[in-house]
Amino acid sequence: MKANLTDAGGYIKQAANEAGTAIKSAASAAAGELKTGGANVKSNLSEGATASKAAAGDAKAAAKEQADILIEKGKEFADVAAEFIKERPIAAFGAAFAAGWLLSKLGGSSSEE
């Protein structure tokens, strides 16, 4: 019986050692995976930030282009209006007078009631 207990104790000790080794190996593997995963997360965040900056730059360029187009259209409109006033000053004055009269009637209609 003593021999059986000694054998059992040896087997238990060996099993405990092997369990400890397995736990250490698992912990080491998990730490390695965490490092790899952390590096991947960091890399993806960096790439995301770079892509966001690029998108913001593209949006800024598109907005500037649209603003330039609107400014150019405004200049063209002002040139057309100036040309119209030079060619037909009486018609331009009449149109301005009519627009002013219409706006005053629209704005003053509530006070006349």
PDB file of N, CA and C in Angstrom:
ATOM      1  N   MET A   1       0.822  -1.180   0.000  1.00  0.00           N
ATOM      2  CA  MET A   1       0.000   0.000   0.000  1.00  0.00           C
ATOM      3  C   MET A   1       0.874   1.255   0.000  1.00  0.00           C
ATOM      4  N   LYS A   2       1.965   1.214   0.807  1.00  0.00           N
ATOM      5  CA  LYS A   2       2.876   2.351   0.857  1.00  0.00           C
ATOM      6  C   LYS A   2       3.488   2.594  -0.512  1.00  0.00           C
ATOM      7  N   ALA A   3       3.803   1.550  -1.207  1.00  0.00           N
ATOM      8  CA  ALA A   3       4.385   1.673  -2.541  1.00  0.00           C
ATOM      9  C   ALA A   3       3.372   2.298  -3.494  1.00  0.00           C
ATOM     10  N   ASN A   4       2.104   1.898  -3.374  1.00  0.00           N
ATOM     11  CA  ASN A   4       1.063   2.465  -4.237  1.00  0.00           C
ATOM     12  C   ASN A   4       0.866   3.955  -3.962  1.00  0.00           C
ATOM     13  N   LEU A   5       0.935   4.336  -2.666  1.00  0.00           N
ATOM     14  CA  LEU A   5       0.793   5.754  -2.314  1.00  0.00           C
ATOM     15  C   LEU A   5       1.974   6.563  -2.845  1.00  0.00           C
ATOM     16  N   THR A   6       3.161   5.989  -2.761  1.00  0.00           N
ATOM     17  CA  THR A   6       4.343   6.669  -3.268  1.00  0.00           C
ATOM     18  C   THR A   6       4.227   6.852  -4.779  1.00  0.00           C
ATOM     19  N   ASP A   7       3.783   5.793  -5.471  1.00  0.00           N
ATOM     20  CA  ASP A   7       3.593   5.890  -6.922  1.00  0.00           C
ATOM     21  C   ASP A   7       2.535   6.937  -7.262  1.00  0.00           C
ATOM     22  N   ALA A   8       1.446   6.952  -6.541  1.00  0.00           N
ATOM     23  CA  ALA A   8       0.365   7.904  -6.785  1.00  0.00           C
ATOM     24  C   ALA A   8       0.865   9.329  -6.566  1.00  0.00           C
ATOM     25  N   GLY A   9       1.655   9.518  -5.475  1.00  0.00           N
ATOM     26  CA  GLY A   9       2.212  10.850  -5.198  1.00  0.00           C
ATOM     27  C   GLY A   9       3.126  11.298  -6.320  1.00  0.00           C
ATOM     28  N   GLY A  10       3.933  10.384  -6.864  1.00  0.00           N
ATOM     29  CA  GLY A  10       4.824  10.713  -7.980  1.00  0.00           C
ATOM     30  C   GLY A  10       4.044  11.130  -9.218  1.00  0.00           C
ATOM     31  N   TYR A  11       2.974  10.376  -9.484  1.00  0.00           N
ATOM     32  CA  TYR A  11       2.159  10.702 -10.658  1.00  0.00           C
ATOM     33  C   TYR A  11       1.467  12.068 -10.492  1.00  0.00           C
ATOM     34  N   ILE A  12       0.995  12.332  -9.283  1.00  0.00           N
ATOM     35  CA  ILE A  12       0.315  13.616  -9.018  1.00  0.00           C
ATOM     36  C   ILE A  12       1.311  14.767  -9.172  1.00  0.00           C
ATOM     37  N   LYS A  13       2.541  14.548  -8.643  1.00  0.00           N
ATOM     38  CA  LYS A  13       3.577  15.572  -8.738  1.00  0.00           C
ATOM     39  C   LYS A  13       3.918  15.827 -10.205  1.00  0.00           C
ATOM     40  N   GLN A  14       4.058  14.766 -10.976  1.00  0.00           N
ATOM     41  CA  GLN A  14       4.376  14.900 -12.398  1.00  0.00           C
ATOM     42  C   GLN A  14       3.232  15.602 -13.136  1.00  0.00           C
ATOM     43  N   ALA A  15       1.997  15.261 -12.799  1.00  0.00           N
ATOM     44  CA  ALA A  15       0.840  15.890 -13.432  1.00  0.00           C
ATOM     45  C   ALA A  15       0.795  17.386 -13.099  1.00  0.00           C
ATOM     46  N   ALA A  16       1.120  17.740 -11.850  1.00  0.00           N
ATOM     47  CA  ALA A  16       1.141  19.149 -11.440  1.00  0.00           C
ATOM     48  C   ALA A  16       2.217  19.913 -12.203  1.00  0.00           C
ATOM     49  N   ASN A  17       3.401  19.284 -12.344  1.00  0.00           N
ATOM     50  CA  ASN A  17       4.488  19.927 -13.103  1.00  0.00           C
ATOM     51  C   ASN A  17       4.081  20.165 -14.557  1.00  0.00           C
ATOM     52  N   GLU A  18       3.477  19.158 -15.161  1.00  0.00           N
ATOM     53  CA  GLU A  18       3.052  19.280 -16.551  1.00  0.00           C
ATOM     54  C   GLU A  18       1.937  20.321 -16.699  1.00  0.00           C
ATOM     55  N   ALA A  19       1.025  20.406 -15.718  1.00  0.00           N
ATOM     56  CA  ALA A  19      -0.040  21.413 -15.742  1.00  0.00           C
ATOM     57  C   ALA A  19       0.567  22.813 -15.640  1.00  0.00           C
ATOM     58  N   GLY A  20       1.566  22.963 -14.752  1.00  0.00           N
ATOM     59  CA  GLY A  20       2.247  24.254 -14.614  1.00  0.00           C
ATOM     60  C   GLY A  20       2.941  24.657 -15.905  1.00  0.00           C
ATOM     61  N   THR A  21       3.607  23.687 -16.547  1.00  0.00           N
ATOM     62  CA  THR A  21       4.270  23.967 -17.820  1.00  0.00           C
ATOM     63  C   THR A  21       3.249  24.349 -18.889  1.00  0.00           C
ATOM     64  N   ALA A  22       2.125  23.658 -18.914  1.00  0.00           N
ATOM     65  CA  ALA A  22       1.080  23.962 -19.894  1.00  0.00           C
ATOM     66  C   ALA A  22       0.506  25.355 -19.670  1.00  0.00           C
ATOM     67  N   ILE A  23       0.321  25.704 -18.391  1.00  0.00           N
ATOM     68  CA  ILE A  23      -0.210  27.041 -18.069  1.00  0.00           C
ATOM     69  C   ILE A  23       0.790  28.117 -18.484  1.00  0.00           C
ATOM     70  N   LYS A  24       2.092  27.881 -18.208  1.00  0.00           N
ATOM     71  CA  LYS A  24       3.117  28.848 -18.611  1.00  0.00           C
ATOM     72  C   LYS A  24       3.152  28.992 -20.123  1.00  0.00           C
ATOM     73  N   SER A  25       3.051  27.902 -20.835  1.00  0.00           N
ATOM     74  CA  SER A  25       3.053  27.948 -22.306  1.00  0.00           C
ATOM     75  C   SER A  25       1.832  28.702 -22.823  1.00  0.00           C
ATOM     76  N   ALA A  26       0.685  28.429 -22.216  1.00  0.00           N
ATOM     77  CA  ALA A  26      -0.539  29.105 -22.636  1.00  0.00           C
ATOM     78  C   ALA A  26      -0.450  30.605 -22.358  1.00  0.00           C
ATOM     79  N   ALA A  27       0.090  30.961 -21.198  1.00  0.00           N
ATOM     80  CA  ALA A  27       0.236  32.383 -20.853  1.00  0.00           C
ATOM     81  C   ALA A  27       1.200  33.069 -21.808  1.00  0.00           C
ATOM     82  N   SER A  28       2.280  32.379 -22.142  1.00  0.00           N
ATOM     83  CA  SER A  28       3.257  32.943 -23.081  1.00  0.00           C
ATOM     84  C   SER A  28       2.628  33.138 -24.459  1.00  0.00           C
ATOM     85  N   ALA A  29       1.868  32.147 -24.909  1.00  0.00           N
ATOM     86  CA  ALA A  29       1.199  32.253 -26.206  1.00  0.00           C
ATOM     87  C   ALA A  29       0.167  33.380 -26.195  1.00  0.00           C
ATOM     88  N   ALA A  30      -0.561  33.496 -25.108  1.00  0.00           N
ATOM     89  CA  ALA A  30      -1.572  34.556 -24.998  1.00  0.00           C
ATOM     90  C   ALA A  30      -0.908  35.933 -25.014  1.00  0.00           C
ATOM     91  N   ALA A  31       0.215  36.056 -24.317  1.00  0.00           N
ATOM     92  CA  ALA A  31       0.935  37.337 -24.306  1.00  0.00           C
ATOM     93  C   ALA A  31       1.409  37.684 -25.708  1.00  0.00           C
ATOM     94  N   GLY A  32       1.897  36.688 -26.422  1.00  0.00           N
ATOM     95  CA  GLY A  32       2.324  36.918 -27.805  1.00  0.00           C
ATOM     96  C   GLY A  32       1.168  37.357 -28.685  1.00  0.00           C
ATOM     97  N   GLU A  33       0.023  36.724 -28.515  1.00  0.00           N
ATOM     98  CA  GLU A  33      -1.168  37.097 -29.291  1.00  0.00           C
ATOM     99  C   GLU A  33      -1.629  38.506 -28.945  1.00  0.00           C
ATOM    100  N   LEU A  34      -1.555  38.856 -27.659  1.00  0.00           N
ATOM    101  CA  LEU A  34      -1.932  40.209 -27.250  1.00  0.00           C
ATOM    102  C   LEU A  34      -1.013  41.248 -27.875  1.00  0.00           C
ATOM    103  N   LYS A  35       0.287  40.950 -27.901  1.00  0.00           N
ATOM    104  CA  LYS A  35       1.231  41.884 -28.521  1.00  0.00           C
ATOM    105  C   LYS A  35       0.933  42.030 -30.005  1.00  0.00           C
ATOM    106  N   THR A  36       0.696  40.916 -30.672  1.00  0.00           N
ATOM    107  CA  THR A  36       0.392  40.954 -32.102  1.00  0.00           C
ATOM    108  C   THR A  36      -0.916  41.690 -32.348  1.00  0.00           C
ATOM    109  N   GLY A  37      -1.924  41.367 -31.544  1.00  0.00           N
ATOM    110  CA  GLY A  37      -3.222  42.037 -31.688  1.00  0.00           C
ATOM    111  C   GLY A  37      -3.106  43.526 -31.417  1.00  0.00           C
ATOM    112  N   GLY A  38      -2.349  43.885 -30.380  1.00  0.00           N
ATOM    113  CA  GLY A  38      -2.148  45.306 -30.071  1.00  0.00           C
ATOM    114  C   GLY A  38      -1.457  46.037 -31.207  1.00  0.00           C
ATOM    115  N   ALA A  39      -0.469  45.390 -31.799  1.00  0.00           N
ATOM    116  CA  ALA A  39       0.229  45.996 -32.927  1.00  0.00           C
ATOM    117  C   ALA A  39      -0.713  46.160 -34.115  1.00  0.00           C
ATOM    118  N   ASN A  40      -1.576  45.170 -34.338  1.00  0.00           N
ATOM    119  CA  ASN A  40      -2.531  45.261 -35.444  1.00  0.00           C
ATOM    120  C   ASN A  40      -3.539  46.383 -35.212  1.00  0.00           C
ATOM    121  N   VAL A  41      -4.014  46.510 -33.981  1.00  0.00           N
ATOM    122  CA  VAL A  41      -4.959  47.576 -33.655  1.00  0.00           C
ATOM    123  C   VAL A  41      -4.299  48.937 -33.878  1.00  0.00           C
ATOM    124  N   LYS A  42      -3.078  49.070 -33.399  1.00  0.00           N
ATOM    125  CA  LYS A  42      -2.345  50.326 -33.551  1.00  0.00           C
ATOM    126  C   LYS A  42      -2.152  50.651 -35.036  1.00  0.00           C
ATOM    127  N   SER A  43      -1.791  49.643 -35.801  1.00  0.00           N
ATOM    128  CA  SER A  43      -1.592  49.831 -37.237  1.00  0.00           C
ATOM    129  C   SER A  43      -2.885  50.246 -37.928  1.00  0.00           C
ATOM    130  N   ASN A  44      -3.982  49.575 -37.583  1.00  0.00           N
ATOM    131  CA  ASN A  44      -5.272  49.909 -38.200  1.00  0.00           C
ATOM    132  C   ASN A  44      -5.734  51.308 -37.821  1.00  0.00           C
ATOM    133  N   LEU A  45      -5.510  51.691 -36.562  1.00  0.00           N
ATOM    134  CA  LEU A  45      -5.877  53.041 -36.145  1.00  0.00           C
ATOM    135  C   LEU A  45      -5.048  54.087 -36.886  1.00  0.00           C
ATOM    136  N   SER A  46      -3.785  53.805 -37.055  1.00  0.00           N
ATOM    137  CA  SER A  46      -2.911  54.719 -37.786  1.00  0.00           C
ATOM    138  C   SER A  46      -3.355  54.860 -39.236  1.00  0.00           C
ATOM    139  N   GLU A  47      -3.669  53.735 -39.864  1.00  0.00           N
ATOM    140  CA  GLU A  47      -4.143  53.776 -41.245  1.00  0.00           C
ATOM    141  C   GLU A  47      -5.476  54.507 -41.350  1.00  0.00           C
ATOM    142  N   GLY A  48      -6.332  54.309 -40.350  1.00  0.00           N
ATOM    143  CA  GLY A  48      -7.613  55.015 -40.336  1.00  0.00           C
ATOM    144  C   GLY A  48      -7.426  56.516 -40.210  1.00  0.00           C
ATOM    145  N   ALA A  49      -6.498  56.924 -39.361  1.00  0.00           N
ATOM    146  CA  ALA A  49      -6.223  58.348 -39.198  1.00  0.00           C
ATOM    147  C   ALA A  49      -5.660  58.937 -40.488  1.00  0.00           C
ATOM    148  N   THR A  50      -4.776  58.209 -41.131  1.00  0.00           N
ATOM    149  CA  THR A  50      -4.200  58.680 -42.392  1.00  0.00           C
ATOM    150  C   THR A  50      -5.280  58.817 -43.458  1.00  0.00           C
ATOM    151  N   ALA A  51      -6.161  57.829 -43.540  1.00  0.00           N
ATOM    152  CA  ALA A  51      -7.248  57.887 -44.515  1.00  0.00           C
ATOM    153  C   ALA A  51      -8.201  59.042 -44.209  1.00  0.00           C
ATOM    154  N   SER A  52      -8.460  59.287 -42.922  1.00  0.00           N
ATOM    155  CA  SER A  52      -9.332  60.398 -42.536  1.00  0.00           C
ATOM    156  C   SER A  52      -8.724  61.736 -42.925  1.00  0.00           C
ATOM    157  N   LYS A  53      -7.420  61.874 -42.708  1.00  0.00           N
ATOM    158  CA  LYS A  53      -6.738  63.113 -43.095  1.00  0.00           C
ATOM    159  C   LYS A  53      -6.795  63.305 -44.603  1.00  0.00           C
ATOM    160  N   ALA A  54      -6.602  62.237 -45.347  1.00  0.00           N
ATOM    161  CA  ALA A  54      -6.667  62.324 -46.806  1.00  0.00           C
ATOM    162  C   ALA A  54      -8.068  62.722 -47.264  1.00  0.00           C
ATOM    163  N   ALA A  55      -9.085  62.127 -46.640  1.00  0.00           N
ATOM    164  CA  ALA A  55     -10.469  62.457 -46.995  1.00  0.00           C
ATOM    165  C   ALA A  55     -10.778  63.913 -46.673  1.00  0.00           C
ATOM    166  N   ALA A  56     -10.285  64.395 -45.535  1.00  0.00           N
ATOM    167  CA  ALA A  56     -10.500  65.796 -45.166  1.00  0.00           C
ATOM    168  C   ALA A  56      -9.813  66.721 -46.168  1.00  0.00           C
ATOM    169  N   GLY A  57      -8.621  66.338 -46.593  1.00  0.00           N
ATOM    170  CA  GLY A  57      -7.913  67.136 -47.597  1.00  0.00           C
ATOM    171  C   GLY A  57      -8.669  67.169 -48.911  1.00  0.00           C
ATOM    172  N   ASP A  58      -9.219  66.025 -49.315  1.00  0.00           N
ATOM    173  CA  ASP A  58     -10.008  65.962 -50.547  1.00  0.00           C
ATOM    174  C   ASP A  58     -11.257  66.828 -50.427  1.00  0.00           C
ATOM    175  N   ALA A  59     -11.917  66.767 -49.272  1.00  0.00           N
ATOM    176  CA  ALA A  59     -13.125  67.569 -49.059  1.00  0.00           C
ATOM    177  C   ALA A  59     -12.789  69.060 -49.096  1.00  0.00           C
ATOM    178  N   LYS A  60     -11.662  69.424 -48.511  1.00  0.00           N
ATOM    179  CA  LYS A  60     -11.239  70.829 -48.506  1.00  0.00           C
ATOM    180  C   LYS A  60     -10.974  71.298 -49.930  1.00  0.00           C
ATOM    181  N   ALA A  61     -10.289  70.457 -50.714  1.00  0.00           N
ATOM    182  CA  ALA A  61      -9.994  70.814 -52.102  1.00  0.00           C
ATOM    183  C   ALA A  61     -11.286  70.952 -52.911  1.00  0.00           C
ATOM    184  N   ALA A  62     -12.229  70.045 -52.690  1.00  0.00           N
ATOM    185  CA  ALA A  62     -13.506  70.110 -53.415  1.00  0.00           C
ATOM    186  C   ALA A  62     -14.283  71.360 -53.018  1.00  0.00           C
ATOM    187  N   ALA A  63     -14.276  71.695 -51.738  1.00  0.00           N
ATOM    188  CA  ALA A  63     -14.987  72.891 -51.276  1.00  0.00           C
ATOM    189  C   ALA A  63     -14.352  74.152 -51.865  1.00  0.00           C
ATOM    190  N   LYS A  64     -13.027  74.183 -51.920  1.00  0.00           N
ATOM    191  CA  LYS A  64     -12.340  75.344 -52.502  1.00  0.00           C
ATOM    192  C   LYS A  64     -12.666  75.465 -53.980  1.00  0.00           C
ATOM    193  N   GLU A  65     -12.697  74.333 -54.665  1.00  0.00           N
ATOM    194  CA  GLU A  65     -13.035  74.350 -56.087  1.00  0.00           C
ATOM    195  C   GLU A  65     -14.445  74.884 -56.303  1.00  0.00           C
ATOM    196  N   GLN A  66     -15.405  74.431 -55.480  1.00  0.00           N
ATOM    197  CA  GLN A  66     -16.779  74.905 -55.601  1.00  0.00           C
ATOM    198  C   GLN A  66     -16.881  76.393 -55.267  1.00  0.00           C
ATOM    199  N   ALA A  67     -16.128  76.840 -54.258  1.00  0.00           N
ATOM    200  CA  ALA A  67     -16.134  78.262 -53.900  1.00  0.00           C
ATOM    201  C   ALA A  67     -15.573  79.093 -55.049  1.00  0.00           C
ATOM    202  N   ASP A  68     -14.504  78.610 -55.672  1.00  0.00           N
ATOM    203  CA  ASP A  68     -13.929  79.323 -56.812  1.00  0.00           C
ATOM    204  C   ASP A  68     -14.925  79.419 -57.958  1.00  0.00           C
ATOM    205  N   ILE A  69     -15.662  78.339 -58.204  1.00  0.00           N
ATOM    206  CA  ILE A  69     -16.675  78.342 -59.264  1.00  0.00           C
ATOM    207  C   ILE A  69     -17.772  79.359 -58.948  1.00  0.00           C
ATOM    208  N   LEU A  70     -18.231  79.364 -57.681  1.00  0.00           N
ATOM    209  CA  LEU A  70     -19.277  80.315 -57.296  1.00  0.00           C
ATOM    210  C   LEU A  70     -18.796  81.758 -57.414  1.00  0.00           C
ATOM    211  N   ILE A  71     -17.561  82.006 -57.034  1.00  0.00           N
ATOM    212  CA  ILE A  71     -17.004  83.365 -57.155  1.00  0.00           C
ATOM    213  C   ILE A  71     -16.942  83.774 -58.618  1.00  0.00           C
ATOM    214  N   GLU A  72     -16.505  82.859 -59.460  1.00  0.00           N
ATOM    215  CA  GLU A  72     -16.430  83.144 -60.898  1.00  0.00           C
ATOM    216  C   GLU A  72     -17.818  83.426 -61.469  1.00  0.00           C
ATOM    217  N   LYS A  73     -18.822  82.621 -61.076  1.00  0.00           N
ATOM    218  CA  LYS A  73     -20.197  82.843 -61.538  1.00  0.00           C
ATOM    219  C   LYS A  73     -20.706  84.203 -61.067  1.00  0.00           C
ATOM    220  N   GLY A  74     -20.374  84.579 -59.830  1.00  0.00           N
ATOM    221  CA  GLY A  74     -20.783  85.880 -59.301  1.00  0.00           C
ATOM    222  C   GLY A  74     -20.162  87.022 -60.085  1.00  0.00           C
ATOM    223  N   LYS A  75     -18.887  86.866 -60.441  1.00  0.00           N
ATOM    224  CA  LYS A  75     -18.211  87.895 -61.247  1.00  0.00           C
ATOM    225  C   LYS A  75     -18.857  88.002 -62.624  1.00  0.00           C
ATOM    226  N   GLU A  76     -19.176  86.841 -63.217  1.00  0.00           N
ATOM    227  CA  GLU A  76     -19.827  86.848 -64.524  1.00  0.00           C
ATOM    228  C   GLU A  76     -21.188  87.541 -64.443  1.00  0.00           C
ATOM    229  N   PHE A  77     -21.944  87.236 -63.389  1.00  0.00           N
ATOM    230  CA  PHE A  77     -23.251  87.864 -63.213  1.00  0.00           C
ATOM    231  C   PHE A  77     -23.110  89.372 -63.042  1.00  0.00           C
ATOM    232  N   ALA A  78     -22.126  89.794 -62.259  1.00  0.00           N
ATOM    233  CA  ALA A  78     -21.909  91.223 -62.052  1.00  0.00           C
ATOM    234  C   ALA A  78     -21.526  91.896 -63.369  1.00  0.00           C
ATOM    235  N   ASP A  79     -20.710  91.225 -64.172  1.00  0.00           N
ATOM    236  CA  ASP A  79     -20.326  91.786 -65.471  1.00  0.00           C
ATOM    237  C   ASP A  79     -21.534  91.918 -66.394  1.00  0.00           C
ATOM    238  N   VAL A  80     -22.403  90.888 -66.397  1.00  0.00           N
ATOM    239  CA  VAL A  80     -23.607  90.931 -67.230  1.00  0.00           C
ATOM    240  C   VAL A  80     -24.524  92.057 -66.762  1.00  0.00           C
ATOM    241  N   ALA A  81     -24.672  92.195 -65.453  1.00  0.00           N
ATOM    242  CA  ALA A  81     -25.519  93.261 -64.910  1.00  0.00           C
ATOM    243  C   ALA A  81     -24.957  94.633 -65.256  1.00  0.00           C
ATOM    244  N   ALA A  82     -23.644  94.792 -65.141  1.00  0.00           N
ATOM    245  CA  ALA A  82     -23.028  96.075 -65.478  1.00  0.00           C
ATOM    246  C   ALA A  82     -23.201  96.384 -66.959  1.00  0.00           C
ATOM    247  N   GLU A  83     -23.057  95.390 -67.793  1.00  0.00           N
ATOM    248  CA  GLU A  83     -23.239  95.572 -69.236  1.00  0.00           C
ATOM    249  C   GLU A  83     -24.687  95.959 -69.549  1.00  0.00           C
ATOM    250  N   PHE A  84     -25.642  95.315 -68.882  1.00  0.00           N
ATOM    251  CA  PHE A  84     -27.057  95.628 -69.083  1.00  0.00           C
ATOM    252  C   PHE A  84     -27.346  97.076 -68.683  1.00  0.00           C
ATOM    253  N   ILE A  85     -26.771  97.484 -67.547  1.00  0.00           N
ATOM    254  CA  ILE A  85     -27.002  98.857 -67.067  1.00  0.00           C
ATOM    255  C   ILE A  85     -26.406  99.863 -68.049  1.00  0.00           C
ATOM    256  N   LYS A  86     -25.234  99.566 -68.617  1.00  0.00           N
ATOM    257  CA  LYS A  86     -24.613 100.468 -69.594  1.00  0.00           C
ATOM    258  C   LYS A  86     -25.439 100.554 -70.874  1.00  0.00           C
ATOM    259  N   GLU A  87     -25.952  99.415 -71.333  1.00  0.00           N
ATOM    260  CA  GLU A  87     -26.706  99.388 -72.585  1.00  0.00           C
ATOM    261  C   GLU A  87     -28.110  99.958 -72.431  1.00  0.00           C
ATOM    262  N   ARG A  88     -28.756  99.705 -71.288  1.00  0.00           N
ATOM    263  CA  ARG A  88     -30.149 100.126 -71.087  1.00  0.00           C
ATOM    264  C   ARG A  88     -30.311 100.740 -69.693  1.00  0.00           C
ATOM    265  N   PRO A  89     -29.816 101.936 -69.497  1.00  0.00           N
ATOM    266  CA  PRO A  89     -29.892 102.536 -68.151  1.00  0.00           C
ATOM    267  C   PRO A  89     -31.320 102.803 -67.689  1.00  0.00           C
ATOM    268  N   ILE A  90     -32.205 103.199 -68.605  1.00  0.00           N
ATOM    269  CA  ILE A  90     -33.583 103.493 -68.200  1.00  0.00           C
ATOM    270  C   ILE A  90     -34.299 102.198 -67.797  1.00  0.00           C
ATOM    271  N   ALA A  91     -34.101 101.143 -68.575  1.00  0.00           N
ATOM    272  CA  ALA A  91     -34.721  99.859 -68.240  1.00  0.00           C
ATOM    273  C   ALA A  91     -34.182  99.339 -66.908  1.00  0.00           C
ATOM    274  N   ALA A  92     -32.879  99.500 -66.672  1.00  0.00           N
ATOM    275  CA  ALA A  92     -32.279  99.052 -65.409  1.00  0.00           C
ATOM    276  C   ALA A  92     -32.854  99.838 -64.239  1.00  0.00           C
ATOM    277  N   PHE A  93     -33.013 101.169 -64.413  1.00  0.00           N
ATOM    278  CA  PHE A  93     -33.592 101.986 -63.350  1.00  0.00           C
ATOM    279  C   PHE A  93     -35.041 101.570 -63.090  1.00  0.00           C
ATOM    280  N   GLY A  94     -35.785 101.320 -64.165  1.00  0.00           N
ATOM    281  CA  GLY A  94     -37.181 100.902 -64.020  1.00  0.00           C
ATOM    282  C   GLY A  94     -37.293  99.559 -63.308  1.00  0.00           C
ATOM    283  N   ALA A  95     -36.408  98.628 -63.654  1.00  0.00           N
ATOM    284  CA  ALA A  95     -36.432  97.314 -63.003  1.00  0.00           C
ATOM    285  C   ALA A  95     -36.086  97.445 -61.518  1.00  0.00           C
ATOM    286  N   ALA A  96     -35.103  98.279 -61.210  1.00  0.00           N
ATOM    287  CA  ALA A  96     -34.716  98.478 -59.812  1.00  0.00           C
ATOM    288  C   ALA A  96     -35.840  99.153 -59.031  1.00  0.00           C
ATOM    289  N   PHE A  97     -36.482 100.154 -59.662  1.00  0.00           N
ATOM    290  CA  PHE A  97     -37.596 100.845 -59.007  1.00  0.00           C
ATOM    291  C   PHE A  97     -38.747  99.876 -58.746  1.00  0.00           C
ATOM    292  N   ALA A  98     -39.071  99.054 -59.751  1.00  0.00           N
ATOM    293  CA  ALA A  98     -40.174  98.093 -59.607  1.00  0.00           C
ATOM    294  C   ALA A  98     -39.860  97.069 -58.514  1.00  0.00           C
ATOM    295  N   ALA A  99     -38.633  96.594 -58.469  1.00  0.00           N
ATOM    296  CA  ALA A  99     -38.251  95.626 -57.440  1.00  0.00           C
ATOM    297  C   ALA A  99     -38.334  96.256 -56.055  1.00  0.00           C
ATOM    298  N   GLY A 100     -37.876  97.482 -55.916  1.00  0.00           N
ATOM    299  CA  GLY A 100     -37.961  98.186 -54.633  1.00  0.00           C
ATOM    300  C   GLY A 100     -39.391  98.403 -54.205  1.00  0.00           C
ATOM    301  N   TRP A 101     -40.251  98.820 -55.152  1.00  0.00           N
ATOM    302  CA  TRP A 101     -41.663  99.031 -54.846  1.00  0.00           C
ATOM    303  C   TRP A 101     -42.329  97.734 -54.402  1.00  0.00           C
ATOM    304  N   LEU A 102     -42.024  96.638 -55.139  1.00  0.00           N
ATOM    305  CA  LEU A 102     -42.609  95.337 -54.799  1.00  0.00           C
ATOM    306  C   LEU A 102     -42.161  94.890 -53.404  1.00  0.00           C
ATOM    307  N   LEU A 103     -40.885  95.048 -53.110  1.00  0.00           N
ATOM    308  CA  LEU A 103     -40.386  94.643 -51.772  1.00  0.00           C
ATOM    309  C   LEU A 103     -41.012  95.500 -50.667  1.00  0.00           C
ATOM    310  N   SER A 104     -41.190  96.797 -50.941  1.00  0.00           N
ATOM    311  CA  SER A 104     -41.798  97.643 -49.904  1.00  0.00           C
ATOM    312  C   SER A 104     -43.253  97.253 -49.674  1.00  0.00           C
ATOM    313  N   LYS A 105     -43.970  96.856 -50.736  1.00  0.00           N
ATOM    314  CA  LYS A 105     -45.353  96.422 -50.573  1.00  0.00           C
ATOM    315  C   LYS A 105     -45.433  95.088 -49.834  1.00  0.00           C
ATOM    316  N   LEU A 106     -44.528  94.192 -50.160  1.00  0.00           N
ATOM    317  CA  LEU A 106     -44.525  92.902 -49.479  1.00  0.00           C
ATOM    318  C   LEU A 106     -44.140  93.051 -48.014  1.00  0.00           C
ATOM    319  N   GLY A 107     -43.189  93.912 -47.739  1.00  0.00           N
ATOM    320  CA  GLY A 107     -42.730  94.101 -46.356  1.00  0.00           C
ATOM    321  C   GLY A 107     -43.684  94.943 -45.538  1.00  0.00           C
ATOM    322  N   GLY A 108     -44.397  95.845 -46.167  1.00  0.00           N
ATOM    323  CA  GLY A 108     -45.275  96.754 -45.441  1.00  0.00           C
ATOM    324  C   GLY A 108     -46.726  96.332 -45.444  1.00  0.00           C
ATOM    325  N   SER A 109     -47.066  95.202 -46.028  1.00  0.00           N
ATOM    326  CA  SER A 109     -48.471  94.793 -46.139  1.00  0.00           C
ATOM    327  C   SER A 109     -49.102  94.498 -44.786  1.00  0.00           C
ATOM    328  N   SER A 110     -48.347  94.008 -43.821  1.00  0.00           N
ATOM    329  CA  SER A 110     -48.923  93.683 -42.517  1.00  0.00           C
ATOM    330  C   SER A 110     -49.202  94.921 -41.681  1.00  0.00           C
ATOM    331  N   SER A 111     -48.492  96.029 -41.921  1.00  0.00           N
ATOM    332  CA  SER A 111     -48.718  97.234 -41.117  1.00  0.00           C
ATOM    333  C   SER A 111     -49.917  98.032 -41.625  1.00  0.00           C
ATOM    334  N   GLU A 112     -50.383  97.810 -42.873  1.00  0.00           N
ATOM    335  CA  GLU A 112     -51.512  98.558 -43.441  1.00  0.00           C
ATOM    336  C   GLU A 112     -52.842  97.980 -43.008  1.00  0.00           C
ATOM    337  N   GLU A 113     -52.898  96.789 -42.492  1.00  0.00           N
ATOM    338  CA  GLU A 113     -54.158  96.147 -42.133  1.00  0.00           C
ATOM    339  C   GLU A 113     -54.774  96.702 -40.918  1.00  0.00           C
TER     340      GLU A 113
END
